[in-house]
Amino acid sequence: MVMVYVHLADGFEEIEALAVVDILRRAGIDTRTVSITGERAVRGAHDITVTADLLFQEADYGNCEMIVLPGGMPGTVNLAGHEGLAAQLRSFAENGKWLAAICAAPSILGSMSLLAGRRATSYPGYESQMIGADYSEERVVRDGNLITSRGAGTAIEFALELAAVLKGERAAAAIKEAIIA
């Protein structure tokens, strides 16, 4: 079974994380939230506290097919500072596993040189941190095993693209119709 981990750090953008979890679960994809804080309760950028399914140290990345990074501030900075997550991002990139990031979070991949020669997008103002990327202003960009998106307003489109690559276009289209997107 496909497993997706959506990573949460204090200051994460709630819409970007939870829209992904909702859409992927509707698609029947085992999707878990993973706290990098050491606590299950993680406070979002807009003071919404979410109880994560797993702590980082409990996550089994060998059974995970996709890592998702929501943006938000200071969530993106907090994700970027987690060494264990950085090691997993490098491993996923090296092994051609799915990496998905939205809003400011694609800058994490850029700072790690994981976007070199790849098409990608981010929240406006983060272009300079998208090191080596062929930067696009498209709302959602897929390049191989990499999917990036612009921000909270594109979260549903982003989540539907993740569902499409993991479950197929027909499954994503059915969800899109059901939620009137």
N, C-alpha and C. Protein backbone atom coordinates (compact mmCIF):
# COMPACT_ATOMS: atom_id res chain seq x y z
N MET A 1 0.84 -1.19 0.00
CA MET A 1 0.00 0.00 0.00
C MET A 1 0.88 1.25 0.00
N VAL A 2 0.45 2.26 -0.73
CA VAL A 2 1.17 3.52 -0.81
C VAL A 2 1.03 4.26 0.52
N MET A 3 2.15 4.82 1.01
CA MET A 3 2.15 5.59 2.25
C MET A 3 2.72 6.98 1.95
N VAL A 4 2.05 8.01 2.47
CA VAL A 4 2.50 9.39 2.31
C VAL A 4 2.67 9.99 3.70
N TYR A 5 3.78 10.70 3.89
CA TYR A 5 4.02 11.42 5.14
C TYR A 5 3.97 12.93 4.88
N VAL A 6 3.06 13.61 5.57
CA VAL A 6 2.95 15.06 5.52
C VAL A 6 3.60 15.58 6.80
N HIS A 7 4.66 16.36 6.65
CA HIS A 7 5.46 16.78 7.80
C HIS A 7 4.95 18.08 8.41
N LEU A 8 4.90 18.09 9.73
CA LEU A 8 4.42 19.24 10.47
C LEU A 8 5.51 19.77 11.39
N ALA A 9 5.69 21.08 11.33
CA ALA A 9 6.58 21.79 12.24
C ALA A 9 5.80 22.97 12.79
N ASP A 10 6.16 23.46 13.97
CA ASP A 10 5.47 24.63 14.50
C ASP A 10 5.52 25.75 13.47
N GLY A 11 4.34 26.34 13.21
CA GLY A 11 4.23 27.40 12.23
C GLY A 11 3.91 26.92 10.82
N PHE A 12 3.47 25.66 10.67
CA PHE A 12 3.11 25.15 9.34
C PHE A 12 1.82 25.82 8.86
N GLU A 13 1.65 25.91 7.55
CA GLU A 13 0.43 26.46 6.96
C GLU A 13 -0.64 25.37 6.98
N GLU A 14 -1.67 25.59 7.78
CA GLU A 14 -2.68 24.58 8.02
C GLU A 14 -3.39 24.12 6.74
N ILE A 15 -3.80 25.05 5.90
CA ILE A 15 -4.52 24.67 4.67
C ILE A 15 -3.65 23.76 3.81
N GLU A 16 -2.39 24.09 3.67
CA GLU A 16 -1.49 23.33 2.79
C GLU A 16 -1.26 21.91 3.30
N ALA A 17 -1.23 21.73 4.58
CA ALA A 17 -1.03 20.39 5.15
C ALA A 17 -2.33 19.59 5.14
N LEU A 18 -3.39 20.20 5.66
CA LEU A 18 -4.62 19.44 5.87
C LEU A 18 -5.41 19.20 4.59
N ALA A 19 -5.32 20.09 3.61
CA ALA A 19 -5.98 19.83 2.32
C ALA A 19 -5.35 18.59 1.68
N VAL A 20 -4.03 18.47 1.79
CA VAL A 20 -3.35 17.29 1.24
C VAL A 20 -3.81 16.03 1.95
N VAL A 21 -3.82 16.06 3.27
CA VAL A 21 -4.25 14.88 4.03
C VAL A 21 -5.68 14.50 3.64
N ASP A 22 -6.57 15.46 3.60
CA ASP A 22 -7.98 15.20 3.27
C ASP A 22 -8.12 14.59 1.88
N ILE A 23 -7.54 15.21 0.87
CA ILE A 23 -7.69 14.72 -0.51
C ILE A 23 -7.07 13.34 -0.67
N LEU A 24 -5.89 13.13 -0.13
CA LEU A 24 -5.24 11.83 -0.29
C LEU A 24 -6.01 10.73 0.44
N ARG A 25 -6.55 11.02 1.60
CA ARG A 25 -7.35 10.02 2.30
C ARG A 25 -8.64 9.72 1.54
N ARG A 26 -9.23 10.73 0.92
CA ARG A 26 -10.41 10.49 0.08
C ARG A 26 -10.06 9.55 -1.06
N ALA A 27 -8.81 9.62 -1.54
CA ALA A 27 -8.35 8.76 -2.63
C ALA A 27 -7.99 7.36 -2.14
N GLY A 28 -8.09 7.13 -0.84
CA GLY A 28 -7.76 5.82 -0.30
C GLY A 28 -6.27 5.61 -0.09
N ILE A 29 -5.53 6.70 0.00
CA ILE A 29 -4.08 6.63 0.18
C ILE A 29 -3.77 6.78 1.67
N ASP A 30 -2.99 5.87 2.21
CA ASP A 30 -2.60 5.92 3.62
C ASP A 30 -1.71 7.13 3.81
N THR A 31 -2.25 8.16 4.44
CA THR A 31 -1.56 9.44 4.60
C THR A 31 -1.46 9.75 6.08
N ARG A 32 -0.25 9.99 6.53
CA ARG A 32 -0.01 10.25 7.95
C ARG A 32 0.67 11.60 8.13
N THR A 33 0.29 12.31 9.18
CA THR A 33 1.00 13.52 9.56
C THR A 33 2.14 13.12 10.48
N VAL A 34 3.29 13.76 10.28
CA VAL A 34 4.50 13.44 11.04
C VAL A 34 5.02 14.72 11.68
N SER A 35 5.07 14.73 12.99
CA SER A 35 5.60 15.88 13.74
C SER A 35 7.11 15.78 13.84
N ILE A 36 7.78 16.88 13.53
CA ILE A 36 9.24 16.94 13.72
C ILE A 36 9.60 17.63 15.03
N THR A 37 8.59 17.97 15.84
CA THR A 37 8.82 18.78 17.04
C THR A 37 9.17 17.96 18.28
N GLY A 38 8.95 16.64 18.22
CA GLY A 38 9.13 15.82 19.42
C GLY A 38 7.85 15.70 20.22
N GLU A 39 6.82 16.42 19.81
CA GLU A 39 5.50 16.38 20.44
C GLU A 39 4.46 16.09 19.36
N ARG A 40 3.38 15.41 19.74
CA ARG A 40 2.32 15.15 18.76
C ARG A 40 1.52 16.41 18.44
N ALA A 41 1.31 17.27 19.40
CA ALA A 41 0.56 18.51 19.17
C ALA A 41 1.48 19.52 18.49
N VAL A 42 1.06 19.97 17.29
CA VAL A 42 1.86 20.92 16.52
C VAL A 42 0.98 22.13 16.22
N ARG A 43 1.49 23.30 16.52
CA ARG A 43 0.73 24.54 16.36
C ARG A 43 1.03 25.15 14.99
N GLY A 44 -0.03 25.40 14.24
CA GLY A 44 0.10 25.97 12.91
C GLY A 44 0.34 27.47 12.93
N ALA A 45 0.55 28.02 11.75
CA ALA A 45 0.85 29.44 11.59
C ALA A 45 -0.32 30.33 12.01
N HIS A 46 -1.53 29.78 12.02
CA HIS A 46 -2.71 30.56 12.38
C HIS A 46 -3.36 30.05 13.67
N ASP A 47 -2.50 29.54 14.55
CA ASP A 47 -2.89 29.10 15.89
C ASP A 47 -3.90 27.95 15.91
N ILE A 48 -3.85 27.10 14.89
CA ILE A 48 -4.64 25.88 14.88
C ILE A 48 -3.70 24.74 15.27
N THR A 49 -4.00 24.06 16.34
CA THR A 49 -3.15 22.96 16.79
C THR A 49 -3.68 21.65 16.24
N VAL A 50 -2.77 20.88 15.65
CA VAL A 50 -3.11 19.60 15.05
C VAL A 50 -2.35 18.52 15.81
N THR A 51 -3.02 17.40 16.06
CA THR A 51 -2.37 16.26 16.68
C THR A 51 -1.84 15.36 15.57
N ALA A 52 -0.52 15.24 15.49
CA ALA A 52 0.11 14.44 14.44
C ALA A 52 -0.12 12.95 14.70
N ASP A 53 -0.16 12.21 13.60
CA ASP A 53 -0.30 10.76 13.70
C ASP A 53 0.95 10.09 14.24
N LEU A 54 2.10 10.64 13.88
CA LEU A 54 3.39 10.05 14.24
C LEU A 54 4.38 11.13 14.65
N LEU A 55 5.33 10.74 15.48
CA LEU A 55 6.51 11.56 15.70
C LEU A 55 7.54 11.14 14.66
N PHE A 56 8.44 12.05 14.31
CA PHE A 56 9.44 11.76 13.28
C PHE A 56 10.16 10.44 13.56
N GLN A 57 10.56 10.22 14.80
CA GLN A 57 11.32 9.02 15.14
C GLN A 57 10.50 7.74 15.03
N GLU A 58 9.18 7.84 14.94
CA GLU A 58 8.31 6.67 14.78
C GLU A 58 8.05 6.33 13.31
N ALA A 59 8.35 7.26 12.43
CA ALA A 59 8.02 7.09 11.01
C ALA A 59 8.94 6.06 10.35
N ASP A 60 8.35 5.22 9.50
CA ASP A 60 9.09 4.19 8.76
C ASP A 60 9.22 4.65 7.30
N TYR A 61 10.31 5.32 6.99
CA TYR A 61 10.50 5.89 5.65
C TYR A 61 10.74 4.82 4.60
N GLY A 62 11.08 3.62 5.01
CA GLY A 62 11.23 2.52 4.06
C GLY A 62 9.90 2.14 3.42
N ASN A 63 8.80 2.40 4.11
CA ASN A 63 7.47 2.09 3.59
C ASN A 63 6.75 3.32 3.06
N CYS A 64 7.43 4.43 2.99
CA CYS A 64 6.85 5.69 2.54
C CYS A 64 7.20 5.93 1.07
N GLU A 65 6.20 6.34 0.28
CA GLU A 65 6.41 6.61 -1.15
C GLU A 65 6.54 8.09 -1.46
N MET A 66 6.05 8.96 -0.54
CA MET A 66 6.07 10.39 -0.81
C MET A 66 6.23 11.17 0.48
N ILE A 67 7.11 12.16 0.43
CA ILE A 67 7.26 13.13 1.51
C ILE A 67 6.61 14.42 1.04
N VAL A 68 5.74 14.99 1.88
CA VAL A 68 5.10 16.26 1.58
C VAL A 68 5.54 17.29 2.62
N LEU A 69 5.91 18.48 2.11
CA LEU A 69 6.33 19.59 2.95
C LEU A 69 5.37 20.76 2.76
N PRO A 70 4.53 21.06 3.76
CA PRO A 70 3.71 22.27 3.66
C PRO A 70 4.59 23.48 3.98
N GLY A 71 4.16 24.65 3.52
CA GLY A 71 4.89 25.87 3.81
C GLY A 71 4.42 26.49 5.11
N GLY A 72 4.39 27.80 5.12
CA GLY A 72 4.04 28.55 6.31
C GLY A 72 5.28 29.02 7.03
N MET A 73 5.10 30.05 7.84
CA MET A 73 6.20 30.58 8.62
C MET A 73 5.82 30.63 10.08
N PRO A 74 6.70 30.20 10.94
CA PRO A 74 8.07 29.75 10.67
C PRO A 74 8.18 28.26 10.36
N GLY A 75 7.08 27.63 9.95
CA GLY A 75 7.10 26.19 9.68
C GLY A 75 8.17 25.77 8.69
N THR A 76 8.30 26.53 7.61
CA THR A 76 9.31 26.19 6.60
C THR A 76 10.71 26.24 7.20
N VAL A 77 11.00 27.27 7.96
CA VAL A 77 12.31 27.39 8.60
C VAL A 77 12.54 26.23 9.56
N ASN A 78 11.52 25.86 10.30
CA ASN A 78 11.65 24.75 11.24
C ASN A 78 11.86 23.42 10.53
N LEU A 79 11.15 23.19 9.42
CA LEU A 79 11.38 21.98 8.64
C LEU A 79 12.81 21.96 8.10
N ALA A 80 13.25 23.09 7.58
CA ALA A 80 14.59 23.19 6.98
C ALA A 80 15.69 22.89 8.00
N GLY A 81 15.44 23.15 9.27
CA GLY A 81 16.46 22.96 10.29
C GLY A 81 16.50 21.56 10.89
N HIS A 82 15.67 20.64 10.41
CA HIS A 82 15.61 19.29 10.97
C HIS A 82 16.54 18.37 10.19
N GLU A 83 17.63 17.95 10.80
CA GLU A 83 18.65 17.14 10.12
C GLU A 83 18.12 15.78 9.67
N GLY A 84 17.30 15.15 10.49
CA GLY A 84 16.75 13.84 10.11
C GLY A 84 15.87 13.94 8.88
N LEU A 85 15.05 14.98 8.81
CA LEU A 85 14.21 15.19 7.63
C LEU A 85 15.09 15.47 6.42
N ALA A 86 16.12 16.27 6.57
CA ALA A 86 17.03 16.56 5.45
C ALA A 86 17.64 15.27 4.90
N ALA A 87 18.01 14.37 5.78
CA ALA A 87 18.59 13.09 5.33
C ALA A 87 17.56 12.29 4.54
N GLN A 88 16.31 12.30 4.98
CA GLN A 88 15.26 11.58 4.26
C GLN A 88 14.98 12.23 2.90
N LEU A 89 14.99 13.55 2.84
CA LEU A 89 14.78 14.25 1.57
C LEU A 89 15.87 13.88 0.57
N ARG A 90 17.11 13.86 1.03
CA ARG A 90 18.22 13.47 0.14
C ARG A 90 18.05 12.03 -0.34
N SER A 91 17.71 11.14 0.57
CA SER A 91 17.52 9.74 0.22
C SER A 91 16.39 9.57 -0.80
N PHE A 92 15.27 10.25 -0.58
CA PHE A 92 14.16 10.15 -1.52
C PHE A 92 14.57 10.67 -2.89
N ALA A 93 15.28 11.79 -2.92
CA ALA A 93 15.73 12.35 -4.20
C ALA A 93 16.66 11.37 -4.92
N GLU A 94 17.61 10.80 -4.20
CA GLU A 94 18.57 9.86 -4.79
C GLU A 94 17.90 8.60 -5.31
N ASN A 95 16.81 8.19 -4.66
CA ASN A 95 16.13 6.95 -5.04
C ASN A 95 14.91 7.16 -5.92
N GLY A 96 14.70 8.38 -6.39
CA GLY A 96 13.59 8.67 -7.30
C GLY A 96 12.22 8.56 -6.68
N LYS A 97 12.14 8.67 -5.35
CA LYS A 97 10.84 8.64 -4.67
C LYS A 97 10.23 10.04 -4.71
N TRP A 98 8.93 10.10 -4.51
CA TRP A 98 8.20 11.36 -4.63
C TRP A 98 8.55 12.37 -3.54
N LEU A 99 8.78 13.61 -3.98
CA LEU A 99 8.95 14.76 -3.09
C LEU A 99 7.94 15.81 -3.51
N ALA A 100 7.19 16.35 -2.56
CA ALA A 100 6.19 17.36 -2.85
C ALA A 100 6.32 18.48 -1.82
N ALA A 101 6.28 19.72 -2.31
CA ALA A 101 6.42 20.87 -1.42
C ALA A 101 5.59 22.03 -1.98
N ILE A 102 5.04 22.81 -1.07
CA ILE A 102 4.15 23.90 -1.45
C ILE A 102 4.53 25.17 -0.69
N CYS A 103 4.26 26.31 -1.31
CA CYS A 103 4.43 27.64 -0.73
C CYS A 103 5.92 27.94 -0.57
N ALA A 104 6.37 28.21 0.63
CA ALA A 104 7.79 28.49 0.88
C ALA A 104 8.62 27.21 0.96
N ALA A 105 7.98 26.08 1.20
CA ALA A 105 8.71 24.82 1.43
C ALA A 105 9.58 24.34 0.25
N PRO A 106 9.24 24.64 -1.02
CA PRO A 106 10.17 24.24 -2.08
C PRO A 106 11.57 24.85 -1.90
N SER A 107 11.64 25.96 -1.17
CA SER A 107 12.96 26.58 -0.91
C SER A 107 13.86 25.65 -0.10
N ILE A 108 13.28 24.76 0.68
CA ILE A 108 14.07 23.77 1.43
C ILE A 108 14.80 22.88 0.44
N LEU A 109 14.07 22.41 -0.57
CA LEU A 109 14.67 21.55 -1.59
C LEU A 109 15.71 22.32 -2.39
N GLY A 110 15.43 23.59 -2.67
CA GLY A 110 16.38 24.44 -3.38
C GLY A 110 17.66 24.63 -2.61
N SER A 111 17.55 24.89 -1.32
CA SER A 111 18.75 25.11 -0.50
C SER A 111 19.59 23.86 -0.37
N MET A 112 18.97 22.69 -0.62
CA MET A 112 19.69 21.42 -0.56
C MET A 112 20.20 20.99 -1.94
N SER A 113 20.04 21.87 -2.93
CA SER A 113 20.43 21.59 -4.32
C SER A 113 19.69 20.41 -4.92
N LEU A 114 18.46 20.17 -4.48
CA LEU A 114 17.66 19.06 -5.00
C LEU A 114 16.78 19.49 -6.18
N LEU A 115 16.84 20.78 -6.53
CA LEU A 115 16.04 21.28 -7.64
C LEU A 115 16.86 21.54 -8.90
N ALA A 116 18.14 21.26 -8.85
CA ALA A 116 19.03 21.57 -9.98
C ALA A 116 18.52 20.94 -11.27
N GLY A 117 18.29 21.80 -12.27
CA GLY A 117 17.84 21.34 -13.57
C GLY A 117 16.40 20.91 -13.62
N ARG A 118 15.63 21.18 -12.59
CA ARG A 118 14.23 20.74 -12.51
C ARG A 118 13.31 21.95 -12.58
N ARG A 119 12.13 21.76 -13.17
CA ARG A 119 11.09 22.79 -13.15
C ARG A 119 10.43 22.76 -11.77
N ALA A 120 10.22 23.96 -11.22
CA ALA A 120 9.61 24.05 -9.90
C ALA A 120 9.02 25.43 -9.69
N THR A 121 8.16 25.54 -8.70
CA THR A 121 7.55 26.81 -8.34
C THR A 121 7.56 26.96 -6.82
N SER A 122 7.17 28.14 -6.35
CA SER A 122 7.10 28.41 -4.92
C SER A 122 6.26 29.66 -4.69
N TYR A 123 6.11 30.02 -3.45
CA TYR A 123 5.44 31.27 -3.09
C TYR A 123 6.28 32.42 -3.64
N PRO A 124 5.64 33.49 -4.14
CA PRO A 124 6.40 34.63 -4.65
C PRO A 124 7.36 35.19 -3.59
N GLY A 125 8.55 35.50 -4.02
CA GLY A 125 9.58 36.03 -3.13
C GLY A 125 10.62 34.99 -2.74
N TYR A 126 10.37 33.73 -3.07
CA TYR A 126 11.31 32.65 -2.74
C TYR A 126 12.11 32.19 -3.96
N GLU A 127 11.95 32.87 -5.07
CA GLU A 127 12.62 32.48 -6.30
C GLU A 127 14.13 32.34 -6.12
N SER A 128 14.74 33.25 -5.40
CA SER A 128 16.20 33.22 -5.24
C SER A 128 16.68 32.02 -4.42
N GLN A 129 15.77 31.42 -3.66
CA GLN A 129 16.13 30.26 -2.85
C GLN A 129 15.88 28.94 -3.59
N MET A 130 15.38 29.04 -4.80
CA MET A 130 15.09 27.85 -5.61
C MET A 130 16.34 27.53 -6.44
N ILE A 131 17.43 27.31 -5.77
CA ILE A 131 18.75 27.18 -6.37
C ILE A 131 18.78 26.09 -7.43
N GLY A 132 19.15 26.50 -8.64
CA GLY A 132 19.29 25.56 -9.75
C GLY A 132 18.01 25.20 -10.47
N ALA A 133 16.86 25.67 -9.97
CA ALA A 133 15.58 25.30 -10.58
C ALA A 133 15.30 26.13 -11.82
N ASP A 134 14.57 25.54 -12.74
CA ASP A 134 13.96 26.26 -13.86
C ASP A 134 12.65 26.77 -13.29
N TYR A 135 12.65 28.00 -12.80
CA TYR A 135 11.53 28.54 -12.03
C TYR A 135 10.32 28.83 -12.91
N SER A 136 9.15 28.45 -12.42
CA SER A 136 7.89 28.66 -13.11
C SER A 136 6.91 29.35 -12.17
N GLU A 137 6.01 30.13 -12.75
CA GLU A 137 4.94 30.73 -11.95
C GLU A 137 3.62 29.97 -12.10
N GLU A 138 3.68 28.77 -12.66
CA GLU A 138 2.48 27.93 -12.73
C GLU A 138 2.03 27.59 -11.32
N ARG A 139 0.75 27.31 -11.18
CA ARG A 139 0.17 27.04 -9.86
C ARG A 139 0.67 25.73 -9.26
N VAL A 140 0.82 24.70 -10.08
CA VAL A 140 1.34 23.40 -9.67
C VAL A 140 2.28 22.93 -10.77
N VAL A 141 3.47 22.49 -10.37
CA VAL A 141 4.47 22.04 -11.35
C VAL A 141 4.92 20.63 -10.98
N ARG A 142 4.86 19.74 -11.96
CA ARG A 142 5.39 18.38 -11.77
C ARG A 142 6.54 18.19 -12.73
N ASP A 143 7.67 17.74 -12.18
CA ASP A 143 8.84 17.41 -12.99
C ASP A 143 9.40 16.10 -12.44
N GLY A 144 9.13 15.02 -13.15
CA GLY A 144 9.56 13.71 -12.68
C GLY A 144 8.93 13.39 -11.35
N ASN A 145 9.77 13.09 -10.35
CA ASN A 145 9.28 12.72 -9.01
C ASN A 145 9.11 13.92 -8.08
N LEU A 146 9.12 15.12 -8.64
CA LEU A 146 9.05 16.36 -7.87
C LEU A 146 7.77 17.12 -8.21
N ILE A 147 7.00 17.49 -7.17
CA ILE A 147 5.79 18.29 -7.37
C ILE A 147 5.87 19.48 -6.42
N THR A 148 5.70 20.69 -7.00
CA THR A 148 5.74 21.91 -6.20
C THR A 148 4.51 22.75 -6.52
N SER A 149 4.17 23.65 -5.60
CA SER A 149 3.00 24.50 -5.78
C SER A 149 3.22 25.84 -5.10
N ARG A 150 2.36 26.81 -5.42
CA ARG A 150 2.57 28.21 -5.05
C ARG A 150 2.16 28.60 -3.64
N GLY A 151 1.05 28.10 -3.12
CA GLY A 151 0.65 28.56 -1.80
C GLY A 151 -0.73 28.07 -1.39
N ALA A 152 -1.24 28.63 -0.32
CA ALA A 152 -2.50 28.18 0.27
C ALA A 152 -3.63 28.14 -0.76
N GLY A 153 -3.68 29.11 -1.65
CA GLY A 153 -4.72 29.17 -2.65
C GLY A 153 -4.64 28.08 -3.71
N THR A 154 -3.52 27.38 -3.76
CA THR A 154 -3.35 26.29 -4.73
C THR A 154 -3.33 24.93 -4.05
N ALA A 155 -3.65 24.88 -2.78
CA ALA A 155 -3.52 23.64 -2.00
C ALA A 155 -4.39 22.51 -2.53
N ILE A 156 -5.61 22.80 -2.96
CA ILE A 156 -6.48 21.75 -3.48
C ILE A 156 -5.92 21.21 -4.80
N GLU A 157 -5.50 22.11 -5.70
CA GLU A 157 -4.90 21.67 -6.97
C GLU A 157 -3.66 20.82 -6.73
N PHE A 158 -2.85 21.25 -5.79
CA PHE A 158 -1.64 20.52 -5.41
C PHE A 158 -2.01 19.12 -4.92
N ALA A 159 -2.96 19.06 -4.00
CA ALA A 159 -3.38 17.77 -3.44
C ALA A 159 -3.96 16.86 -4.51
N LEU A 160 -4.73 17.41 -5.42
CA LEU A 160 -5.29 16.61 -6.52
C LEU A 160 -4.19 16.07 -7.43
N GLU A 161 -3.14 16.85 -7.65
CA GLU A 161 -2.01 16.38 -8.45
C GLU A 161 -1.31 15.22 -7.74
N LEU A 162 -1.16 15.32 -6.44
CA LEU A 162 -0.55 14.22 -5.67
C LEU A 162 -1.41 12.97 -5.79
N ALA A 163 -2.72 13.13 -5.68
CA ALA A 163 -3.63 11.98 -5.83
C ALA A 163 -3.51 11.39 -7.23
N ALA A 164 -3.38 12.24 -8.23
CA ALA A 164 -3.28 11.76 -9.62
C ALA A 164 -2.03 10.92 -9.84
N VAL A 165 -0.91 11.34 -9.28
CA VAL A 165 0.32 10.57 -9.51
C VAL A 165 0.35 9.28 -8.70
N LEU A 166 -0.35 9.26 -7.58
CA LEU A 166 -0.34 8.07 -6.73
C LEU A 166 -1.48 7.09 -7.02
N LYS A 167 -2.63 7.60 -7.46
CA LYS A 167 -3.81 6.75 -7.66
C LYS A 167 -4.35 6.80 -9.08
N GLY A 168 -3.85 7.71 -9.90
CA GLY A 168 -4.31 7.83 -11.27
C GLY A 168 -5.20 9.04 -11.50
N GLU A 169 -5.20 9.48 -12.75
CA GLU A 169 -5.99 10.66 -13.14
C GLU A 169 -7.48 10.46 -12.89
N ARG A 170 -8.00 9.26 -13.13
CA ARG A 170 -9.43 9.02 -12.94
C ARG A 170 -9.83 9.19 -11.47
N ALA A 171 -9.02 8.69 -10.58
CA ALA A 171 -9.32 8.84 -9.15
C ALA A 171 -9.30 10.31 -8.74
N ALA A 172 -8.30 11.04 -9.22
CA ALA A 172 -8.21 12.47 -8.90
C ALA A 172 -9.40 13.23 -9.49
N ALA A 173 -9.79 12.89 -10.71
CA ALA A 173 -10.93 13.56 -11.35
C ALA A 173 -12.22 13.29 -10.58
N ALA A 174 -12.38 12.08 -10.07
CA ALA A 174 -13.58 11.75 -9.31
C ALA A 174 -13.64 12.56 -8.01
N ILE A 175 -12.50 12.73 -7.36
CA ILE A 175 -12.46 13.53 -6.13
C ILE A 175 -12.74 14.99 -6.47
N LYS A 176 -12.13 15.48 -7.53
CA LYS A 176 -12.33 16.87 -7.95
C LYS A 176 -13.81 17.14 -8.18
N GLU A 177 -14.49 16.22 -8.85
CA GLU A 177 -15.92 16.39 -9.11
C GLU A 177 -16.71 16.32 -7.79
N ALA A 178 -16.36 15.40 -6.92
CA ALA A 178 -17.10 15.22 -5.67
C ALA A 178 -16.99 16.45 -4.75
N ILE A 179 -15.84 17.12 -4.78
CA ILE A 179 -15.67 18.28 -3.89
C ILE A 179 -15.99 19.61 -4.59
N ILE A 180 -16.41 19.51 -5.86
CA ILE A 180 -16.77 20.68 -6.66
C ILE A 180 -15.59 21.64 -6.78
N ALA A 181 -14.45 21.09 -7.14
CA ALA A 181 -13.25 21.92 -7.32
C ALA A 181 -13.12 22.38 -8.75
